[in-house]
Amino acid sequence: MDMKGKQKIVLRVIFVSFIPVLLNYLAKSENCLDDLQKSGFIGQNINIRLWKDIFLLISALFTTIFLSIKLACLEANQKIIANQRESLIKYNKEIFFKALGNKLMTTDKNINVRIFVQKKGILLHVKKILAKITNGYIQYKEIFTIRNIEGLADTGITKNLSFEVCPEPQGLVGQCYKLRTIIFEDNFKRNCINYNITEYQKSKLNDIEFWLCAPIFNEKGEIISIVSFDSAQKVNISKANKSVWIDMVTNYCQFLYEYLPELFG
């Protein structure tokens, strides 16, 4: 924004702020309007008390209407930004899978990208501290819970899905956390029994055939999130193309973390 644009904004703010302040002052001042009337600036037939009430009412209405319009504009702008953000996320996802398909020379699959983040709360934090102090006497379970993002995944029946990642890993999310590397299962329906999931979790994953999970690390080397890729369709990862999957998934996850950090917050 250039200097001229900044000056316009400053003048607009001053003007909008000055009007209700002036009206409020005129409404509440004991002598201002009376002095103006005595000096001849206001006619003797003017009802000062009535005009004080009018000024007070206009001041309140001006502030209310201005703030309401400002809020409505802000909400509209936020909705536009949210829609643009969603479109950008979806577009980047499409580019990623198209590039992956070109590398593997396969057709695009309908793959959801979901984000699992650490379940937080004051009680959980206190319990974690107590578990360390008591050397495990008080048990603490590290839980990662799902975050479905518009443009990345269809929520479907996965709402409120979560997995224990420590000390008893559940699902591919838990195994990914434990092994600290990308892992995948291309026949999850048949092999789900191997992943220590509950019946509730199994019902939430009922339509998943392919599942891949990738860890996201912070600067300290701690896993702060697990990015999950799942599909109801069969997706084959062979020894020949495994490295392609790992490289491209790693780059894509890092892109999401660096350029859209709010997805992991």
Protein backbone atom coordinates (compact mmCIF):
# COMPACT_ATOMS: atom_id res chain seq x y z
CA MET A 1 0.00 0.00 0.00
CA ASP A 2 1.39 3.41 -1.00
CA MET A 3 1.55 6.52 1.22
CA LYS A 4 -1.56 8.03 -0.37
CA GLY A 5 -3.59 4.94 0.43
CA LYS A 6 -2.37 4.95 4.04
CA GLN A 7 -3.30 8.63 4.39
CA LYS A 8 -6.83 7.92 3.17
CA ILE A 9 -7.23 5.16 5.74
CA VAL A 10 -5.95 7.41 8.55
CA LEU A 11 -8.30 10.26 7.54
CA ARG A 12 -11.23 7.85 7.32
CA VAL A 13 -10.52 6.49 10.80
CA ILE A 14 -10.19 10.01 12.24
CA PHE A 15 -13.42 11.12 10.58
CA VAL A 16 -15.42 8.10 11.68
CA SER A 17 -14.08 8.38 15.23
CA PHE A 18 -14.56 12.15 15.46
CA ILE A 19 -18.28 12.26 14.62
CA PRO A 20 -19.61 10.15 17.53
CA VAL A 21 -17.14 11.81 19.93
CA LEU A 22 -18.32 15.29 18.91
CA LEU A 23 -22.00 14.35 19.10
CA ASN A 24 -21.50 12.69 22.47
CA TYR A 25 -19.68 15.78 23.77
CA LEU A 26 -22.46 18.11 22.62
CA ALA A 27 -25.06 15.83 24.22
CA LYS A 28 -23.35 15.67 27.60
CA SER A 29 -21.74 19.11 27.87
CA GLU A 30 -23.36 21.34 30.46
CA ASN A 31 -22.44 24.69 28.89
CA CYS A 32 -21.37 24.22 25.26
CA LEU A 33 -24.77 24.55 23.55
CA ASP A 34 -25.96 27.10 26.12
CA ASP A 35 -22.92 29.28 25.44
CA LEU A 36 -23.45 28.99 21.69
CA GLN A 37 -27.06 30.07 22.16
CA LYS A 38 -26.09 33.01 24.35
CA SER A 39 -23.47 34.06 21.77
CA GLY A 40 -26.09 34.06 19.04
CA PHE A 41 -24.73 31.10 17.10
CA ILE A 42 -27.91 29.17 17.94
CA GLY A 43 -31.38 30.68 17.81
CA GLN A 44 -33.19 31.45 21.08
CA ASN A 45 -36.13 29.32 20.00
CA ILE A 46 -33.96 26.16 19.83
CA ASN A 47 -34.76 23.59 22.54
CA ILE A 48 -31.29 22.78 23.88
CA ARG A 49 -32.42 19.79 25.98
CA LEU A 50 -34.20 18.23 23.00
CA TRP A 51 -31.15 18.64 20.77
CA LYS A 52 -28.91 17.10 23.41
CA ASP A 53 -31.12 14.01 23.36
CA ILE A 54 -31.05 13.99 19.54
CA PHE A 55 -27.24 14.27 19.46
CA LEU A 56 -26.94 11.41 21.96
CA LEU A 57 -29.29 9.23 19.90
CA ILE A 58 -27.48 10.01 16.62
CA SER A 59 -24.12 9.25 18.26
CA ALA A 60 -25.35 5.85 19.45
CA LEU A 61 -26.98 5.03 16.09
CA PHE A 62 -23.93 6.14 14.12
CA THR A 63 -21.61 3.95 16.19
CA THR A 64 -23.97 0.95 16.07
CA ILE A 65 -24.65 1.19 12.33
CA PHE A 66 -20.99 1.75 11.48
CA LEU A 67 -19.83 -1.19 13.59
CA SER A 68 -22.58 -3.42 12.16
CA ILE A 69 -21.59 -2.55 8.58
CA LYS A 70 -17.91 -3.02 9.43
CA LEU A 71 -18.62 -6.42 10.98
CA ALA A 72 -20.74 -7.51 8.01
CA CYS A 73 -17.98 -6.47 5.59
CA LEU A 74 -15.37 -8.26 7.69
CA GLU A 75 -17.42 -11.47 7.76
CA ALA A 76 -17.97 -11.26 4.00
CA ASN A 77 -14.24 -10.76 3.42
CA GLN A 78 -13.39 -13.65 5.74
CA LYS A 79 -15.81 -15.89 3.84
CA ILE A 80 -14.21 -14.89 0.53
CA ILE A 81 -10.73 -15.56 1.95
CA ALA A 82 -11.86 -18.92 3.36
CA ASN A 83 -13.31 -19.93 -0.01
CA GLN A 84 -10.13 -18.85 -1.79
CA ARG A 85 -8.03 -20.77 0.73
CA GLU A 86 -10.15 -23.89 0.29
CA SER A 87 -9.85 -23.65 -3.51
CA LEU A 88 -6.08 -23.22 -3.23
CA ILE A 89 -5.76 -26.25 -0.93
CA LYS A 90 -7.88 -28.35 -3.28
CA TYR A 91 -5.93 -27.15 -6.32
CA ASN A 92 -2.57 -28.01 -4.71
CA LYS A 93 -3.88 -31.45 -3.78
CA GLU A 94 -5.00 -32.05 -7.37
CA ILE A 95 -1.59 -30.95 -8.68
CA PHE A 96 0.17 -33.30 -6.25
CA PHE A 97 -1.83 -36.37 -7.22
CA LYS A 98 -1.62 -35.54 -10.91
CA ALA A 99 2.17 -35.26 -10.62
CA LEU A 100 2.27 -38.50 -8.63
CA GLY A 101 0.12 -40.22 -11.25
CA ASN A 102 2.41 -39.02 -14.02
CA LYS A 103 5.45 -40.33 -12.16
CA LEU A 104 3.83 -43.72 -11.59
CA MET A 105 2.07 -43.72 -14.98
CA THR A 106 -1.26 -44.55 -13.33
CA THR A 107 -4.72 -42.99 -13.32
CA ASP A 108 -5.76 -40.70 -10.48
CA LYS A 109 -7.31 -42.32 -7.42
CA ASN A 110 -9.85 -40.72 -5.12
CA ILE A 111 -7.57 -40.29 -2.11
CA ASN A 112 -8.46 -38.31 1.00
CA VAL A 113 -5.80 -36.38 2.88
CA ARG A 114 -6.51 -36.06 6.60
CA ILE A 115 -4.49 -34.51 9.39
CA PHE A 116 -4.14 -35.99 12.86
CA VAL A 117 -2.93 -33.70 15.63
CA GLN A 118 -2.18 -34.16 19.30
CA LYS A 119 -5.22 -33.98 21.55
CA LYS A 120 -4.64 -31.12 23.97
CA GLY A 121 -6.16 -29.77 27.15
CA ILE A 122 -5.16 -28.59 30.61
CA LEU A 123 -6.08 -31.90 32.27
CA LEU A 124 -4.15 -33.89 29.67
CA HIS A 125 -1.12 -31.64 30.13
CA VAL A 126 -1.24 -32.06 33.92
CA LYS A 127 -1.62 -35.82 33.56
CA LYS A 128 1.40 -35.93 31.23
CA ILE A 129 3.53 -34.06 33.79
CA LEU A 130 2.35 -36.34 36.61
CA ALA A 131 3.16 -39.42 34.52
CA LYS A 132 6.76 -38.18 34.16
CA ILE A 133 7.07 -37.26 37.84
CA THR A 134 5.68 -40.61 39.04
CA ASN A 135 7.77 -42.56 36.51
CA GLY A 136 4.68 -43.99 34.83
CA TYR A 137 2.70 -44.82 37.99
CA ILE A 138 0.06 -42.41 36.74
CA GLN A 139 -0.60 -43.52 33.19
CA TYR A 140 -0.80 -41.06 30.32
CA LYS A 141 -1.98 -41.89 26.83
CA GLU A 142 -0.85 -39.77 23.89
CA ILE A 143 -3.85 -39.34 21.60
CA PHE A 144 -3.93 -37.96 18.06
CA THR A 145 -7.31 -36.80 16.82
CA ILE A 146 -8.56 -36.23 13.28
CA ARG A 147 -8.85 -32.89 11.56
CA ASN A 148 -10.73 -32.99 8.27
CA ILE A 149 -9.93 -29.99 6.08
CA GLU A 150 -12.23 -28.77 3.31
CA GLY A 151 -10.49 -29.29 0.01
CA LEU A 152 -8.38 -32.17 1.31
CA ALA A 153 -10.91 -34.77 2.37
CA ASP A 154 -14.54 -35.76 2.57
CA THR A 155 -15.40 -36.12 6.24
CA GLY A 156 -17.72 -39.08 5.68
CA ILE A 157 -18.01 -41.13 8.86
CA THR A 158 -14.57 -40.22 10.21
CA LYS A 159 -15.72 -37.38 12.47
CA ASN A 160 -14.24 -37.56 16.01
CA LEU A 161 -11.88 -40.37 15.00
CA SER A 162 -8.77 -40.59 17.18
CA PHE A 163 -5.92 -43.00 17.85
CA GLU A 164 -3.64 -43.70 20.75
CA VAL A 165 -0.05 -43.31 19.58
CA CYS A 166 1.71 -44.00 22.88
CA PRO A 167 2.16 -46.26 24.82
CA GLU A 168 -0.15 -48.64 22.86
CA PRO A 169 -0.17 -47.53 19.19
CA GLN A 170 -3.46 -47.87 17.34
CA GLY A 171 -3.99 -47.99 13.58
CA LEU A 172 -1.48 -46.77 11.04
CA VAL A 173 -1.44 -43.41 12.81
CA GLY A 174 -0.06 -45.05 15.95
CA GLN A 175 2.41 -47.20 14.04
CA CYS A 176 3.62 -44.19 12.06
CA TYR A 177 4.22 -42.32 15.33
CA LYS A 178 6.04 -45.29 16.84
CA LEU A 179 8.27 -46.02 13.82
CA ARG A 180 8.75 -42.31 12.96
CA THR A 181 8.54 -43.00 9.25
CA ILE A 182 6.06 -43.29 6.38
CA ILE A 183 4.11 -46.54 6.47
CA PHE A 184 1.26 -47.87 4.33
CA GLU A 185 -1.26 -50.68 4.09
CA ASP A 186 -2.77 -51.52 0.70
CA ASN A 187 -5.29 -54.05 2.03
CA PHE A 188 -6.50 -52.52 5.27
CA LYS A 189 -9.93 -54.18 5.29
CA ARG A 190 -8.34 -57.59 5.41
CA ASN A 191 -5.41 -56.68 7.67
CA CYS A 192 -7.07 -54.24 10.10
CA ILE A 193 -6.87 -56.88 12.82
CA ASN A 194 -3.11 -56.33 12.89
CA TYR A 195 -3.36 -52.69 13.95
CA ASN A 196 -4.82 -52.81 17.47
CA ILE A 197 -7.98 -50.85 16.64
CA THR A 198 -11.24 -50.88 18.59
CA GLU A 199 -14.60 -51.82 17.13
CA TYR A 200 -15.54 -48.14 17.16
CA GLN A 201 -12.44 -47.21 15.18
CA LYS A 202 -13.04 -50.12 12.81
CA SER A 203 -16.56 -48.85 12.08
CA LYS A 204 -15.13 -45.42 11.26
CA LEU A 205 -12.60 -47.00 8.87
CA ASN A 206 -15.04 -49.44 7.33
CA ASP A 207 -14.69 -48.20 3.74
CA ILE A 208 -10.90 -47.78 3.72
CA GLU A 209 -8.89 -50.13 1.51
CA PHE A 210 -5.65 -48.16 1.13
CA TRP A 211 -4.05 -46.22 3.98
CA LEU A 212 -0.74 -44.38 4.18
CA CYS A 213 0.56 -42.21 7.03
CA ALA A 214 3.45 -39.74 7.11
CA PRO A 215 4.89 -38.01 10.21
CA ILE A 216 5.41 -34.26 10.52
CA PHE A 217 8.37 -33.23 12.68
CA ASN A 218 9.07 -29.90 14.38
CA GLU A 219 12.51 -28.33 14.83
CA LYS A 220 13.15 -30.46 17.94
CA GLY A 221 12.53 -33.69 16.05
CA GLU A 222 9.19 -34.26 17.79
CA ILE A 223 6.23 -35.61 15.84
CA ILE A 224 3.55 -32.95 16.03
CA SER A 225 1.18 -34.38 13.43
CA ILE A 226 0.44 -37.35 11.21
CA VAL A 227 -0.77 -36.76 7.66
CA SER A 228 -3.02 -39.60 6.53
CA PHE A 229 -3.83 -40.63 2.95
CA ASP A 230 -6.73 -43.05 2.52
CA SER A 231 -8.90 -44.42 -0.24
CA ALA A 232 -11.75 -46.88 -0.68
CA GLN A 233 -10.02 -47.97 -3.87
CA LYS A 234 -7.14 -50.38 -4.21
CA VAL A 235 -3.79 -48.59 -4.52
CA ASN A 236 -0.72 -50.70 -5.13
CA ILE A 237 2.67 -49.56 -3.90
CA SER A 238 5.35 -51.85 -5.26
CA LYS A 239 9.06 -52.05 -4.47
CA ALA A 240 9.71 -50.33 -7.79
CA ASN A 241 7.60 -47.25 -7.03
CA LYS A 242 7.83 -47.13 -3.23
CA SER A 243 10.63 -44.54 -3.28
CA VAL A 244 8.56 -42.30 -5.59
CA TRP A 245 5.66 -42.41 -3.15
CA ILE A 246 7.89 -41.66 -0.16
CA ASP A 247 9.70 -38.75 -1.83
CA MET A 248 6.56 -37.08 -3.19
CA VAL A 249 4.48 -37.61 -0.05
CA THR A 250 7.30 -36.20 2.09
CA ASN A 251 7.58 -33.10 -0.10
CA TYR A 252 3.81 -32.58 -0.17
CA CYS A 253 3.46 -32.93 3.62
CA GLN A 254 6.34 -30.53 4.16
CA PHE A 255 4.68 -28.05 1.79
CA LEU A 256 1.44 -28.21 3.80
CA TYR A 257 3.32 -27.74 7.08
CA GLU A 258 5.44 -24.81 5.90
CA TYR A 259 2.88 -22.88 3.87
CA LEU A 260 -0.33 -23.80 5.71
CA PRO A 261 0.82 -24.17 9.34
CA GLU A 262 -2.64 -23.28 10.63
CA LEU A 263 -3.82 -26.71 9.46
CA PHE A 264 -1.64 -28.26 12.16
CA GLY A 265 -2.27 -25.75 14.97
